[in-house]
């Protein structure tokens, strides 16, 4: 299956928040849990492992995760990290033969 954008792939896996909007007021709920539950579970378990073993000081995503965990619950931070990992995987899969380059903007 091919996705136009990385967000489409994350939405297909159910890693984006469900939205309930009425009267011009947007409300984001929990993850939508659509798509393949087994693949979503594997990515979330991988994000849990990254949370434990990632070098927080030497890696941009580690610093991003530390800041995120300071202001939200660790389970929500894990799902956000799984979403980021999915988007990175999309970038790697859609550009064969190129190296994935980490930039300052990738962790922002």
PDB file of N, CA and C in Angstrom:
ATOM      1  N   UNK A   1       0.846  -1.177   0.000  1.00  0.00           N
ATOM      2  CA  UNK A   1       0.000   0.000   0.000  1.00  0.00           C
ATOM      3  C   UNK A   1       0.891   1.239   0.000  1.00  0.00           C
ATOM      4  N   UNK A   2       0.526   2.225  -0.782  1.00  0.00           N
ATOM      5  CA  UNK A   2       1.325   3.429  -0.867  1.00  0.00           C
ATOM      6  C   UNK A   2       0.527   4.617  -0.329  1.00  0.00           C
ATOM      7  N   UNK A   3       1.213   5.472   0.406  1.00  0.00           N
ATOM      8  CA  UNK A   3       0.572   6.634   1.022  1.00  0.00           C
ATOM      9  C   UNK A   3       1.192   7.895   0.445  1.00  0.00           C
ATOM     10  N   UNK A   4       0.353   8.905   0.238  1.00  0.00           N
ATOM     11  CA  UNK A   4       0.832  10.170  -0.301  1.00  0.00           C
ATOM     12  C   UNK A   4       1.692  10.933   0.692  1.00  0.00           C
ATOM     13  N   UNK A   5       1.269  10.925   1.957  1.00  0.00           N
ATOM     14  CA  UNK A   5       1.980  11.662   3.003  1.00  0.00           C
ATOM     15  C   UNK A   5       2.238  10.735   4.184  1.00  0.00           C
ATOM     16  N   UNK A   6       3.198  11.128   5.017  1.00  0.00           N
ATOM     17  CA  UNK A   6       3.514  10.340   6.209  1.00  0.00           C
ATOM     18  C   UNK A   6       2.332  10.323   7.179  1.00  0.00           C
ATOM     19  N   UNK A   7       1.578  11.417   7.221  1.00  0.00           N
ATOM     20  CA  UNK A   7       0.424  11.461   8.114  1.00  0.00           C
ATOM     21  C   UNK A   7      -0.628  10.439   7.701  1.00  0.00           C
ATOM     22  N   UNK A   8      -0.758  10.198   6.392  1.00  0.00           N
ATOM     23  CA  UNK A   8      -1.708   9.195   5.912  1.00  0.00           C
ATOM     24  C   UNK A   8      -1.345   7.809   6.424  1.00  0.00           C
ATOM     25  N   UNK A   9      -0.060   7.507   6.446  1.00  0.00           N
ATOM     26  CA  UNK A   9       0.381   6.205   6.951  1.00  0.00           C
ATOM     27  C   UNK A   9       0.120   6.098   8.453  1.00  0.00           C
ATOM     28  N   UNK A  10       0.402   7.161   9.199  1.00  0.00           N
ATOM     29  CA  UNK A  10       0.161   7.154  10.637  1.00  0.00           C
ATOM     30  C   UNK A  10      -1.334   7.044  10.936  1.00  0.00           C
ATOM     31  N   UNK A  11      -2.160   7.699  10.131  1.00  0.00           N
ATOM     32  CA  UNK A  11      -3.605   7.605  10.316  1.00  0.00           C
ATOM     33  C   UNK A  11      -4.105   6.212   9.983  1.00  0.00           C
ATOM     34  N   UNK A  12      -3.540   5.590   8.967  1.00  0.00           N
ATOM     35  CA  UNK A  12      -3.929   4.235   8.588  1.00  0.00           C
ATOM     36  C   UNK A  12      -3.618   3.244   9.708  1.00  0.00           C
ATOM     37  N   UNK A  13      -2.516   3.491  10.433  1.00  0.00           N
ATOM     38  CA  UNK A  13      -2.159   2.624  11.547  1.00  0.00           C
ATOM     39  C   UNK A  13      -2.940   2.960  12.815  1.00  0.00           C
ATOM     40  N   UNK A  14      -3.602   4.092  12.848  1.00  0.00           N
ATOM     41  CA  UNK A  14      -4.382   4.472  14.023  1.00  0.00           C
ATOM     42  C   UNK A  14      -3.564   5.167  15.077  1.00  0.00           C
ATOM     43  N   UNK A  15      -2.534   5.896  14.685  1.00  0.00           N
ATOM     44  CA  UNK A  15      -1.662   6.582  15.636  1.00  0.00           C
ATOM     45  C   UNK A  15      -1.922   8.077  15.723  1.00  0.00           C
ATOM     46  N   UNK A  16      -2.982   8.547  15.111  1.00  0.00           N
ATOM     47  CA  UNK A  16      -3.330   9.961  15.198  1.00  0.00           C
ATOM     48  C   UNK A  16      -4.594  10.094  16.046  1.00  0.00           C
ATOM     49  N   UNK A  17      -4.790  11.217  16.694  1.00  0.00           N
ATOM     50  CA  UNK A  17      -5.967  11.362  17.545  1.00  0.00           C
ATOM     51  C   UNK A  17      -7.267  11.444  16.751  1.00  0.00           C
ATOM     52  N   UNK A  18      -8.309  10.854  17.306  1.00  0.00           N
ATOM     53  CA  UNK A  18      -9.639  10.999  16.723  1.00  0.00           C
ATOM     54  C   UNK A  18     -10.105  12.425  16.988  1.00  0.00           C
ATOM     55  N   UNK A  19     -10.903  12.950  16.099  1.00  0.00           N
ATOM     56  CA  UNK A  19     -11.325  14.341  16.213  1.00  0.00           C
ATOM     57  C   UNK A  19     -12.833  14.416  16.348  1.00  0.00           C
ATOM     58  N   UNK A  20     -13.284  15.259  17.262  1.00  0.00           N
ATOM     59  CA  UNK A  20     -14.709  15.517  17.413  1.00  0.00           C
ATOM     60  C   UNK A  20     -14.890  17.019  17.389  1.00  0.00           C
ATOM     61  N   UNK A  21     -15.471  17.525  16.322  1.00  0.00           N
ATOM     62  CA  UNK A  21     -15.619  18.966  16.155  1.00  0.00           C
ATOM     63  C   UNK A  21     -17.089  19.323  16.025  1.00  0.00           C
ATOM     64  N   UNK A  22     -17.470  20.379  16.705  1.00  0.00           N
ATOM     65  CA  UNK A  22     -18.823  20.884  16.584  1.00  0.00           C
ATOM     66  C   UNK A  22     -18.816  22.372  16.907  1.00  0.00           C
ATOM     67  N   UNK A  23     -19.572  23.120  16.163  1.00  0.00           N
ATOM     68  CA  UNK A  23     -19.706  24.552  16.417  1.00  0.00           C
ATOM     69  C   UNK A  23     -18.400  25.312  16.332  1.00  0.00           C
ATOM     70  N   UNK A  24     -17.485  24.860  15.487  1.00  0.00           N
ATOM     71  CA  UNK A  24     -16.209  25.547  15.345  1.00  0.00           C
ATOM     72  C   UNK A  24     -15.223  25.242  16.454  1.00  0.00           C
ATOM     73  N   UNK A  25     -15.583  24.316  17.342  1.00  0.00           N
ATOM     74  CA  UNK A  25     -14.698  23.961  18.452  1.00  0.00           C
ATOM     75  C   UNK A  25     -14.094  22.587  18.196  1.00  0.00           C
ATOM     76  N   UNK A  26     -12.784  22.521  18.101  1.00  0.00           N
ATOM     77  CA  UNK A  26     -12.108  21.266  17.799  1.00  0.00           C
ATOM     78  C   UNK A  26     -11.692  20.586  19.099  1.00  0.00           C
ATOM     79  N   UNK A  27     -11.947  19.279  19.170  1.00  0.00           N
ATOM     80  CA  UNK A  27     -11.563  18.508  20.343  1.00  0.00           C
ATOM     81  C   UNK A  27     -10.867  17.233  19.886  1.00  0.00           C
ATOM     82  N   UNK A  28      -9.637  17.026  20.342  1.00  0.00           N
ATOM     83  CA  UNK A  28      -8.891  15.836  19.982  1.00  0.00           C
ATOM     84  C   UNK A  28      -9.060  14.796  21.077  1.00  0.00           C
ATOM     85  N   UNK A  29      -9.423  13.593  20.680  1.00  0.00           N
ATOM     86  CA  UNK A  29      -9.643  12.501  21.615  1.00  0.00           C
ATOM     87  C   UNK A  29      -8.416  11.592  21.611  1.00  0.00           C
ATOM     88  N   UNK A  30      -8.554  10.358  22.045  1.00  0.00           N
ATOM     89  CA  UNK A  30      -7.457   9.406  22.041  1.00  0.00           C
ATOM     90  C   UNK A  30      -7.136   8.939  20.629  1.00  0.00           C
ATOM     91  N   UNK A  31      -6.176   8.011  20.511  1.00  0.00           N
ATOM     92  CA  UNK A  31      -5.820   7.520  19.177  1.00  0.00           C
ATOM     93  C   UNK A  31      -7.012   6.793  18.583  1.00  0.00           C
ATOM     94  N   UNK A  32      -7.103   6.805  17.273  1.00  0.00           N
ATOM     95  CA  UNK A  32      -8.299   6.301  16.602  1.00  0.00           C
ATOM     96  C   UNK A  32      -8.377   4.778  16.599  1.00  0.00           C
ATOM     97  N   UNK A  33      -7.245   4.076  16.705  1.00  0.00           N
ATOM     98  CA  UNK A  33      -7.185   2.611  16.737  1.00  0.00           C
ATOM     99  C   UNK A  33      -7.768   1.970  15.491  1.00  0.00           C
ATOM    100  N   UNK A  34      -7.662   2.648  14.380  1.00  0.00           N
ATOM    101  CA  UNK A  34      -8.065   2.053  13.110  1.00  0.00           C
ATOM    102  C   UNK A  34      -6.864   1.359  12.501  1.00  0.00           C
ATOM    103  N   UNK A  35      -7.082   0.637  11.451  1.00  0.00           N
ATOM    104  CA  UNK A  35      -5.980   0.003  10.744  1.00  0.00           C
ATOM    105  C   UNK A  35      -5.550  -1.300  11.390  1.00  0.00           C
ATOM    106  N   UNK A  36      -4.337  -1.709  11.107  1.00  0.00           N
ATOM    107  CA  UNK A  36      -3.803  -2.981  11.541  1.00  0.00           C
ATOM    108  C   UNK A  36      -3.337  -2.893  12.992  1.00  0.00           C
ATOM    109  N   UNK A  37      -4.060  -3.547  13.874  1.00  0.00           N
ATOM    110  CA  UNK A  37      -3.744  -3.499  15.297  1.00  0.00           C
ATOM    111  C   UNK A  37      -2.419  -4.147  15.639  1.00  0.00           C
ATOM    112  N   UNK A  38      -2.053  -5.208  14.915  1.00  0.00           N
ATOM    113  CA  UNK A  38      -0.807  -5.904  15.196  1.00  0.00           C
ATOM    114  C   UNK A  38       0.404  -5.023  14.873  1.00  0.00           C
ATOM    115  N   UNK A  39       0.392  -4.368  13.723  1.00  0.00           N
ATOM    116  CA  UNK A  39       1.509  -3.494  13.344  1.00  0.00           C
ATOM    117  C   UNK A  39       1.571  -2.296  14.287  1.00  0.00           C
ATOM    118  N   UNK A  40       0.406  -1.728  14.637  1.00  0.00           N
ATOM    119  CA  UNK A  40       0.378  -0.606  15.573  1.00  0.00           C
ATOM    120  C   UNK A  40       0.973  -1.020  16.914  1.00  0.00           C
ATOM    121  N   UNK A  41       0.628  -2.208  17.384  1.00  0.00           N
ATOM    122  CA  UNK A  41       1.146  -2.713  18.655  1.00  0.00           C
ATOM    123  C   UNK A  41       2.670  -2.870  18.592  1.00  0.00           C
ATOM    124  N   UNK A  42       3.183  -3.389  17.482  1.00  0.00           N
ATOM    125  CA  UNK A  42       4.629  -3.545  17.334  1.00  0.00           C
ATOM    126  C   UNK A  42       5.352  -2.195  17.361  1.00  0.00           C
ATOM    127  N   UNK A  43       4.780  -1.199  16.683  1.00  0.00           N
ATOM    128  CA  UNK A  43       5.415   0.124  16.654  1.00  0.00           C
ATOM    129  C   UNK A  43       5.372   0.768  18.036  1.00  0.00           C
ATOM    130  N   UNK A  44       4.273   0.606  18.753  1.00  0.00           N
ATOM    131  CA  UNK A  44       4.176   1.182  20.098  1.00  0.00           C
ATOM    132  C   UNK A  44       5.136   0.480  21.050  1.00  0.00           C
ATOM    133  N   UNK A  45       5.286  -0.834  20.930  1.00  0.00           N
ATOM    134  CA  UNK A  45       6.261  -1.532  21.772  1.00  0.00           C
ATOM    135  C   UNK A  45       7.688  -1.095  21.434  1.00  0.00           C
ATOM    136  N   UNK A  46       7.956  -0.851  20.160  1.00  0.00           N
ATOM    137  CA  UNK A  46       9.258  -0.317  19.770  1.00  0.00           C
ATOM    138  C   UNK A  46       9.498   1.063  20.355  1.00  0.00           C
ATOM    139  N   UNK A  47       8.451   1.886  20.399  1.00  0.00           N
ATOM    140  CA  UNK A  47       8.571   3.220  20.998  1.00  0.00           C
ATOM    141  C   UNK A  47       8.815   3.112  22.500  1.00  0.00           C
ATOM    142  N   UNK A  48       8.195   2.137  23.163  1.00  0.00           N
ATOM    143  CA  UNK A  48       8.455   1.923  24.593  1.00  0.00           C
ATOM    144  C   UNK A  48       9.920   1.560  24.818  1.00  0.00           C
ATOM    145  N   UNK A  49      10.454   0.728  23.955  1.00  0.00           N
ATOM    146  CA  UNK A  49      11.858   0.347  24.061  1.00  0.00           C
ATOM    147  C   UNK A  49      12.769   1.561  23.833  1.00  0.00           C
ATOM    148  N   UNK A  50      12.414   2.395  22.862  1.00  0.00           N
ATOM    149  CA  UNK A  50      13.192   3.617  22.609  1.00  0.00           C
ATOM    150  C   UNK A  50      13.156   4.530  23.822  1.00  0.00           C
ATOM    151  N   UNK A  51      12.017   4.607  24.479  1.00  0.00           N
ATOM    152  CA  UNK A  51      11.888   5.459  25.661  1.00  0.00           C
ATOM    153  C   UNK A  51      12.879   5.042  26.737  1.00  0.00           C
ATOM    154  N   UNK A  52      13.095   3.755  26.876  1.00  0.00           N
ATOM    155  CA  UNK A  52      14.007   3.267  27.908  1.00  0.00           C
ATOM    156  C   UNK A  52      15.474   3.366  27.514  1.00  0.00           C
ATOM    157  N   UNK A  53      15.790   3.136  26.244  1.00  0.00           N
ATOM    158  CA  UNK A  53      17.178   2.979  25.835  1.00  0.00           C
ATOM    159  C   UNK A  53      17.740   4.113  24.992  1.00  0.00           C
ATOM    160  N   UNK A  54      16.947   5.125  24.689  1.00  0.00           N
ATOM    161  CA  UNK A  54      17.402   6.218  23.834  1.00  0.00           C
ATOM    162  C   UNK A  54      18.319   7.157  24.612  1.00  0.00           C
ATOM    163  N   UNK A  55      19.407   7.584  23.981  1.00  0.00           N
ATOM    164  CA  UNK A  55      20.318   8.545  24.582  1.00  0.00           C
ATOM    165  C   UNK A  55      19.627   9.907  24.559  1.00  0.00           C
ATOM    166  N   UNK A  56      19.171  10.362  25.707  1.00  0.00           N
ATOM    167  CA  UNK A  56      18.370  11.586  25.783  1.00  0.00           C
ATOM    168  C   UNK A  56      19.190  12.843  25.511  1.00  0.00           C
ATOM    169  N   UNK A  57      20.455  12.851  25.873  1.00  0.00           N
ATOM    170  CA  UNK A  57      21.269  14.059  25.695  1.00  0.00           C
ATOM    171  C   UNK A  57      21.899  14.131  24.315  1.00  0.00           C
ATOM    172  N   UNK A  58      22.221  12.988  23.727  1.00  0.00           N
ATOM    173  CA  UNK A  58      22.972  12.996  22.482  1.00  0.00           C
ATOM    174  C   UNK A  58      22.139  12.871  21.228  1.00  0.00           C
ATOM    175  N   UNK A  59      20.843  12.781  21.359  1.00  0.00           N
ATOM    176  CA  UNK A  59      19.996  12.567  20.186  1.00  0.00           C
ATOM    177  C   UNK A  59      18.844  13.570  20.220  1.00  0.00           C
ATOM    178  N   UNK A  60      18.530  14.148  19.077  1.00  0.00           N
ATOM    179  CA  UNK A  60      17.486  15.178  19.015  1.00  0.00           C
ATOM    180  C   UNK A  60      16.127  14.620  19.415  1.00  0.00           C
ATOM    181  N   UNK A  61      15.819  13.405  18.995  1.00  0.00           N
ATOM    182  CA  UNK A  61      14.528  12.815  19.360  1.00  0.00           C
ATOM    183  C   UNK A  61      14.494  12.521  20.862  1.00  0.00           C
ATOM    184  N   UNK A  62      15.642  12.178  21.445  1.00  0.00           N
ATOM    185  CA  UNK A  62      15.706  11.957  22.888  1.00  0.00           C
ATOM    186  C   UNK A  62      15.403  13.224  23.669  1.00  0.00           C
ATOM    187  N   UNK A  63      15.948  14.343  23.202  1.00  0.00           N
ATOM    188  CA  UNK A  63      15.658  15.623  23.865  1.00  0.00           C
ATOM    189  C   UNK A  63      14.191  16.002  23.693  1.00  0.00           C
ATOM    190  N   UNK A  64      13.655  15.765  22.490  1.00  0.00           N
ATOM    191  CA  UNK A  64      12.243  16.045  22.231  1.00  0.00           C
ATOM    192  C   UNK A  64      11.356  15.209  23.151  1.00  0.00           C
ATOM    193  N   UNK A  65      11.715  13.943  23.335  1.00  0.00           N
ATOM    194  CA  UNK A  65      10.935  13.052  24.187  1.00  0.00           C
ATOM    195  C   UNK A  65      10.994  13.479  25.645  1.00  0.00           C
ATOM    196  N   UNK A  66      12.156  13.933  26.106  1.00  0.00           N
ATOM    197  CA  UNK A  66      12.283  14.402  27.492  1.00  0.00           C
ATOM    198  C   UNK A  66      11.390  15.607  27.755  1.00  0.00           C
ATOM    199  N   UNK A  67      11.381  16.552  26.816  1.00  0.00           N
ATOM    200  CA  UNK A  67      10.531  17.741  26.964  1.00  0.00           C
ATOM    201  C   UNK A  67       9.057  17.345  26.938  1.00  0.00           C
ATOM    202  N   UNK A  68       8.707  16.426  26.054  1.00  0.00           N
ATOM    203  CA  UNK A  68       7.320  15.986  25.946  1.00  0.00           C
ATOM    204  C   UNK A  68       6.863  15.268  27.210  1.00  0.00           C
ATOM    205  N   UNK A  69       7.707  14.403  27.772  1.00  0.00           N
ATOM    206  CA  UNK A  69       7.344  13.678  28.988  1.00  0.00           C
ATOM    207  C   UNK A  69       7.234  14.602  30.192  1.00  0.00           C
ATOM    208  N   UNK A  70       7.930  15.736  30.151  1.00  0.00           N
ATOM    209  CA  UNK A  70       7.853  16.688  31.259  1.00  0.00           C
ATOM    210  C   UNK A  70       6.479  17.348  31.327  1.00  0.00           C
ATOM    211  N   UNK A  71       5.786  17.434  30.189  1.00  0.00           N
ATOM    212  CA  UNK A  71       4.507  18.141  30.197  1.00  0.00           C
ATOM    213  C   UNK A  71       3.291  17.251  29.964  1.00  0.00           C
ATOM    214  N   UNK A  72       3.501  15.943  29.723  1.00  0.00           N
ATOM    215  CA  UNK A  72       2.361  15.061  29.498  1.00  0.00           C
ATOM    216  C   UNK A  72       2.656  13.680  30.084  1.00  0.00           C
ATOM    217  N   UNK A  73       1.662  12.828  30.109  1.00  0.00           N
ATOM    218  CA  UNK A  73       1.793  11.477  30.654  1.00  0.00           C
ATOM    219  C   UNK A  73       2.700  10.637  29.756  1.00  0.00           C
ATOM    220  N   UNK A  74       3.440   9.691  30.349  1.00  0.00           N
ATOM    221  CA  UNK A  74       4.412   8.945  29.554  1.00  0.00           C
ATOM    222  C   UNK A  74       3.756   8.064  28.498  1.00  0.00           C
ATOM    223  N   UNK A  75       2.545   7.573  28.716  1.00  0.00           N
ATOM    224  CA  UNK A  75       1.871   6.772  27.692  1.00  0.00           C
ATOM    225  C   UNK A  75       1.517   7.613  26.466  1.00  0.00           C
ATOM    226  N   UNK A  76       1.118   8.835  26.688  1.00  0.00           N
ATOM    227  CA  UNK A  76       0.823   9.733  25.573  1.00  0.00           C
ATOM    228  C   UNK A  76       2.095  10.079  24.813  1.00  0.00           C
ATOM    229  N   UNK A  77       3.195  10.236  25.539  1.00  0.00           N
ATOM    230  CA  UNK A  77       4.479  10.510  24.901  1.00  0.00           C
ATOM    231  C   UNK A  77       4.931   9.311  24.068  1.00  0.00           C
ATOM    232  N   UNK A  78       4.651   8.108  24.540  1.00  0.00           N
ATOM    233  CA  UNK A  78       5.022   6.897  23.794  1.00  0.00           C
ATOM    234  C   UNK A  78       4.261   6.832  22.475  1.00  0.00           C
ATOM    235  N   UNK A  79       2.979   7.155  22.491  1.00  0.00           N
ATOM    236  CA  UNK A  79       2.191   7.137  21.253  1.00  0.00           C
ATOM    237  C   UNK A  79       2.685   8.226  20.301  1.00  0.00           C
ATOM    238  N   UNK A  80       3.061   9.389  20.838  1.00  0.00           N
ATOM    239  CA  UNK A  80       3.616  10.451  19.985  1.00  0.00           C
ATOM    240  C   UNK A  80       4.937  10.008  19.368  1.00  0.00           C
ATOM    241  N   UNK A  81       5.762   9.298  20.134  1.00  0.00           N
ATOM    242  CA  UNK A  81       7.017   8.776  19.602  1.00  0.00           C
ATOM    243  C   UNK A  81       6.754   7.712  18.542  1.00  0.00           C
ATOM    244  N   UNK A  82       5.750   6.863  18.756  1.00  0.00           N
ATOM    245  CA  UNK A  82       5.392   5.856  17.753  1.00  0.00           C
ATOM    246  C   UNK A  82       4.932   6.534  16.463  1.00  0.00           C
ATOM    247  N   UNK A  83       4.185   7.620  16.591  1.00  0.00           N
ATOM    248  CA  UNK A  83       3.750   8.389  15.427  1.00  0.00           C
ATOM    249  C   UNK A  83       4.971   8.942  14.690  1.00  0.00           C
ATOM    250  N   UNK A  84       5.933   9.483  15.435  1.00  0.00           N
ATOM    251  CA  UNK A  84       7.146  10.033  14.818  1.00  0.00           C
ATOM    252  C   UNK A  84       7.959   8.935  14.139  1.00  0.00           C
ATOM    253  N   UNK A  85       8.066   7.768  14.756  1.00  0.00           N
ATOM    254  CA  UNK A  85       8.795   6.646  14.168  1.00  0.00           C
ATOM    255  C   UNK A  85       8.121   6.200  12.869  1.00  0.00           C
ATOM    256  N   UNK A  86       6.789   6.179  12.869  1.00  0.00           N
ATOM    257  CA  UNK A  86       6.055   5.807  11.660  1.00  0.00           C
ATOM    258  C   UNK A  86       6.324   6.792  10.533  1.00  0.00           C
ATOM    259  N   UNK A  87       6.355   8.075  10.844  1.00  0.00           N
ATOM    260  CA  UNK A  87       6.614   9.086   9.818  1.00  0.00           C
ATOM    261  C   UNK A  87       8.048   8.991   9.289  1.00  0.00           C
ATOM    262  N   UNK A  88       8.996   8.659  10.162  1.00  0.00           N
ATOM    263  CA  UNK A  88      10.373   8.458   9.722  1.00  0.00           C
ATOM    264  C   UNK A  88      10.452   7.230   8.817  1.00  0.00           C
ATOM    265  N   UNK A  89       9.747   6.159   9.199  1.00  0.00           N
ATOM    266  CA  UNK A  89       9.733   4.944   8.377  1.00  0.00           C
ATOM    267  C   UNK A  89       9.157   5.233   6.997  1.00  0.00           C
ATOM    268  N   UNK A  90       8.113   6.060   6.931  1.00  0.00           N
ATOM    269  CA  UNK A  90       7.540   6.438   5.634  1.00  0.00           C
ATOM    270  C   UNK A  90       8.570   7.168   4.789  1.00  0.00           C
ATOM    271  N   UNK A  91       9.311   8.088   5.416  1.00  0.00           N
ATOM    272  CA  UNK A  91      10.326   8.851   4.680  1.00  0.00           C
ATOM    273  C   UNK A  91      11.414   7.924   4.139  1.00  0.00           C
ATOM    274  N   UNK A  92      11.808   6.938   4.923  1.00  0.00           N
ATOM    275  CA  UNK A  92      12.841   6.005   4.482  1.00  0.00           C
ATOM    276  C   UNK A  92      12.312   5.123   3.357  1.00  0.00           C
ATOM    277  N   UNK A  93      11.069   4.664   3.467  1.00  0.00           N
ATOM    278  CA  UNK A  93      10.500   3.764   2.464  1.00  0.00           C
ATOM    279  C   UNK A  93      10.206   4.451   1.135  1.00  0.00           C
ATOM    280  N   UNK A  94       9.873   5.727   1.158  1.00  0.00           N
ATOM    281  CA  UNK A  94       9.487   6.414  -0.081  1.00  0.00           C
ATOM    282  C   UNK A  94      10.670   6.997  -0.832  1.00  0.00           C
ATOM    283  N   UNK A  95      11.847   6.985  -0.235  1.00  0.00           N
ATOM    284  CA  UNK A  95      13.037   7.517  -0.899  1.00  0.00           C
ATOM    285  C   UNK A  95      14.120   6.443  -0.958  1.00  0.00           C
ATOM    286  N   UNK A  96      13.939   5.430  -1.811  1.00  0.00           N
ATOM    287  CA  UNK A  96      14.938   4.355  -1.864  1.00  0.00           C
ATOM    288  C   UNK A  96      16.280   4.861  -2.393  1.00  0.00           C
ATOM    289  N   UNK A  97      17.341   4.354  -1.796  1.00  0.00           N
ATOM    290  CA  UNK A  97      18.676   4.738  -2.234  1.00  0.00           C
ATOM    291  C   UNK A  97      19.214   5.985  -1.573  1.00  0.00           C
ATOM    292  N   UNK A  98      18.385   6.699  -0.820  1.00  0.00           N
ATOM    293  CA  UNK A  98      18.839   7.898  -0.129  1.00  0.00           C
ATOM    294  C   UNK A  98      18.971   7.600   1.352  1.00  0.00           C
ATOM    295  N   UNK A  99      19.874   8.300   1.995  1.00  0.00           N
ATOM    296  CA  UNK A  99      20.022   8.166   3.433  1.00  0.00           C
ATOM    297  C   UNK A  99      19.039   9.088   4.134  1.00  0.00           C
ATOM    298  N   UNK A 100      18.524   8.649   5.256  1.00  0.00           N
ATOM    299  CA  UNK A 100      17.653   9.514   6.047  1.00  0.00           C
ATOM    300  C   UNK A 100      18.541  10.435   6.858  1.00  0.00           C
ATOM    301  N   UNK A 101      18.434  11.709   6.609  1.00  0.00           N
ATOM    302  CA  UNK A 101      19.268  12.680   7.300  1.00  0.00           C
ATOM    303  C   UNK A 101      18.475  13.324   8.429  1.00  0.00           C
ATOM    304  N   UNK A 102      19.034  13.272   9.627  1.00  0.00           N
ATOM    305  CA  UNK A 102      18.403  13.947  10.747  1.00  0.00           C
ATOM    306  C   UNK A 102      18.693  15.438  10.649  1.00  0.00           C
ATOM    307  N   UNK A 103      17.659  16.235  10.804  1.00  0.00           N
ATOM    308  CA  UNK A 103      17.842  17.684  10.784  1.00  0.00           C
ATOM    309  C   UNK A 103      17.287  18.250  12.074  1.00  0.00           C
ATOM    310  N   UNK A 104      17.549  19.517  12.307  1.00  0.00           N
ATOM    311  CA  UNK A 104      17.018  20.148  13.511  1.00  0.00           C
ATOM    312  C   UNK A 104      15.487  20.127  13.502  1.00  0.00           C
ATOM    313  N   UNK A 105      14.889  20.288  12.331  1.00  0.00           N
ATOM    314  CA  UNK A 105      13.449  20.338  12.235  1.00  0.00           C
ATOM    315  C   UNK A 105      12.776  18.992  12.444  1.00  0.00           C
ATOM    316  N   UNK A 106      13.508  17.895  12.302  1.00  0.00           N
ATOM    317  CA  UNK A 106      12.905  16.564  12.420  1.00  0.00           C
ATOM    318  C   UNK A 106      12.438  16.279  13.823  1.00  0.00           C
ATOM    319  N   UNK A 107      13.052  16.876  14.827  1.00  0.00           N
ATOM    320  CA  UNK A 107      12.682  16.598  16.202  1.00  0.00           C
ATOM    321  C   UNK A 107      11.830  17.709  16.804  1.00  0.00           C
ATOM    322  N   UNK A 108      11.530  18.714  16.049  1.00  0.00           N
ATOM    323  CA  UNK A 108      10.762  19.855  16.589  1.00  0.00           C
ATOM    324  C   UNK A 108       9.298  19.552  16.643  1.00  0.00           C
TER     325      UNK A 108
END
